[in-house]
């Protein structure tokens, strides 16, 4: 994954984290 396509990897991480909770 390149930061160019994903400017906020942390944002995506939080999203998946939300699904888990």
PDB file of N, CA and C in Angstrom:
ATOM      1  N   UNK A   1       0.850  -1.207   0.000  1.00  0.00           N
ATOM      2  CA  UNK A   1       0.000   0.000   0.000  1.00  0.00           C
ATOM      3  C   UNK A   1       0.877   1.245   0.000  1.00  0.00           C
ATOM      4  N   UNK A   2       0.651   2.139  -0.924  1.00  0.00           N
ATOM      5  CA  UNK A   2       1.445   3.373  -0.986  1.00  0.00           C
ATOM      6  C   UNK A   2       0.688   4.514  -0.320  1.00  0.00           C
ATOM      7  N   UNK A   3       1.422   5.352   0.401  1.00  0.00           N
ATOM      8  CA  UNK A   3       0.772   6.468   1.100  1.00  0.00           C
ATOM      9  C   UNK A   3       0.044   7.369   0.110  1.00  0.00           C
ATOM     10  N   UNK A   4       0.460   7.324  -1.151  1.00  0.00           N
ATOM     11  CA  UNK A   4      -0.182   8.171  -2.165  1.00  0.00           C
ATOM     12  C   UNK A   4      -1.646   7.764  -2.336  1.00  0.00           C
ATOM     13  N   UNK A   5      -1.893   6.474  -2.339  1.00  0.00           N
ATOM     14  CA  UNK A   5      -3.271   5.991  -2.513  1.00  0.00           C
ATOM     15  C   UNK A   5      -4.017   6.032  -1.181  1.00  0.00           C
ATOM     16  N   UNK A   6      -3.275   5.811  -0.091  1.00  0.00           N
ATOM     17  CA  UNK A   6      -3.900   5.809   1.236  1.00  0.00           C
ATOM     18  C   UNK A   6      -3.241   6.870   2.113  1.00  0.00           C
ATOM     19  N   UNK A   7      -3.747   8.095   2.053  1.00  0.00           N
ATOM     20  CA  UNK A   7      -3.189   9.198   2.827  1.00  0.00           C
ATOM     21  C   UNK A   7      -3.364   9.004   4.329  1.00  0.00           C
ATOM     22  N   UNK A   8      -4.292   8.153   4.724  1.00  0.00           N
ATOM     23  CA  UNK A   8      -4.518   7.930   6.153  1.00  0.00           C
ATOM     24  C   UNK A   8      -4.688   6.447   6.441  1.00  0.00           C
ATOM     25  N   UNK A   9      -3.579   5.753   6.608  1.00  0.00           N
ATOM     26  CA  UNK A   9      -3.678   4.322   6.910  1.00  0.00           C
ATOM     27  C   UNK A   9      -4.242   4.132   8.313  1.00  0.00           C
ATOM     28  N   UNK A  10      -3.887   5.075   9.206  1.00  0.00           N
ATOM     29  CA  UNK A  10      -4.379   4.987  10.577  1.00  0.00           C
ATOM     30  C   UNK A  10      -5.892   5.093  10.596  1.00  0.00           C
ATOM     31  N   UNK A  11      -6.426   5.954   9.740  1.00  0.00           N
ATOM     32  CA  UNK A  11      -7.875   6.137   9.673  1.00  0.00           C
ATOM     33  C   UNK A  11      -8.532   4.808   9.316  1.00  0.00           C
ATOM     34  N   UNK A  12      -7.918   4.104   8.394  1.00  0.00           N
ATOM     35  CA  UNK A  12      -8.480   2.815   7.957  1.00  0.00           C
ATOM     36  C   UNK A  12      -8.357   1.795   9.087  1.00  0.00           C
ATOM     37  N   UNK A  13      -7.238   1.863   9.795  1.00  0.00           N
ATOM     38  CA  UNK A  13      -7.017   0.946  10.913  1.00  0.00           C
ATOM     39  C   UNK A  13      -8.108   1.144  11.958  1.00  0.00           C
ATOM     40  N   UNK A  14      -8.425   2.401  12.248  1.00  0.00           N
ATOM     41  CA  UNK A  14      -9.461   2.707  13.233  1.00  0.00           C
ATOM     42  C   UNK A  14     -10.800   2.175  12.762  1.00  0.00           C
ATOM     43  N   UNK A  15     -11.006   2.212  11.444  1.00  0.00           N
ATOM     44  CA  UNK A  15     -12.278   1.734  10.873  1.00  0.00           C
ATOM     45  C   UNK A  15     -12.440   0.238  11.139  1.00  0.00           C
ATOM     46  N   UNK A  16     -11.378  -0.510  10.858  1.00  0.00           N
ATOM     47  CA  UNK A  16     -11.448  -1.957  11.078  1.00  0.00           C
ATOM     48  C   UNK A  16     -11.573  -2.251  12.564  1.00  0.00           C
ATOM     49  N   UNK A  17     -10.911  -1.414  13.361  1.00  0.00           N
ATOM     50  CA  UNK A  17     -10.957  -1.589  14.809  1.00  0.00           C
ATOM     51  C   UNK A  17     -12.394  -1.424  15.286  1.00  0.00           C
ATOM     52  N   UNK A  18     -13.100  -0.490  14.672  1.00  0.00           N
ATOM     53  CA  UNK A  18     -14.494  -0.225  15.046  1.00  0.00           C
ATOM     54  C   UNK A  18     -15.349  -1.458  14.750  1.00  0.00           C
ATOM     55  N   UNK A  19     -15.084  -2.089  13.614  1.00  0.00           N
ATOM     56  CA  UNK A  19     -15.873  -3.262  13.230  1.00  0.00           C
ATOM     57  C   UNK A  19     -15.652  -4.388  14.239  1.00  0.00           C
ATOM     58  N   UNK A  20     -14.419  -4.502  14.738  1.00  0.00           N
ATOM     59  CA  UNK A  20     -14.107  -5.569  15.681  1.00  0.00           C
ATOM     60  C   UNK A  20     -14.829  -5.345  16.997  1.00  0.00           C
ATOM     61  N   UNK A  21     -14.926  -4.091  17.398  1.00  0.00           N
ATOM     62  CA  UNK A  21     -15.558  -3.793  18.693  1.00  0.00           C
ATOM     63  C   UNK A  21     -17.053  -3.877  18.541  1.00  0.00           C
TER      64      UNK A  21
END
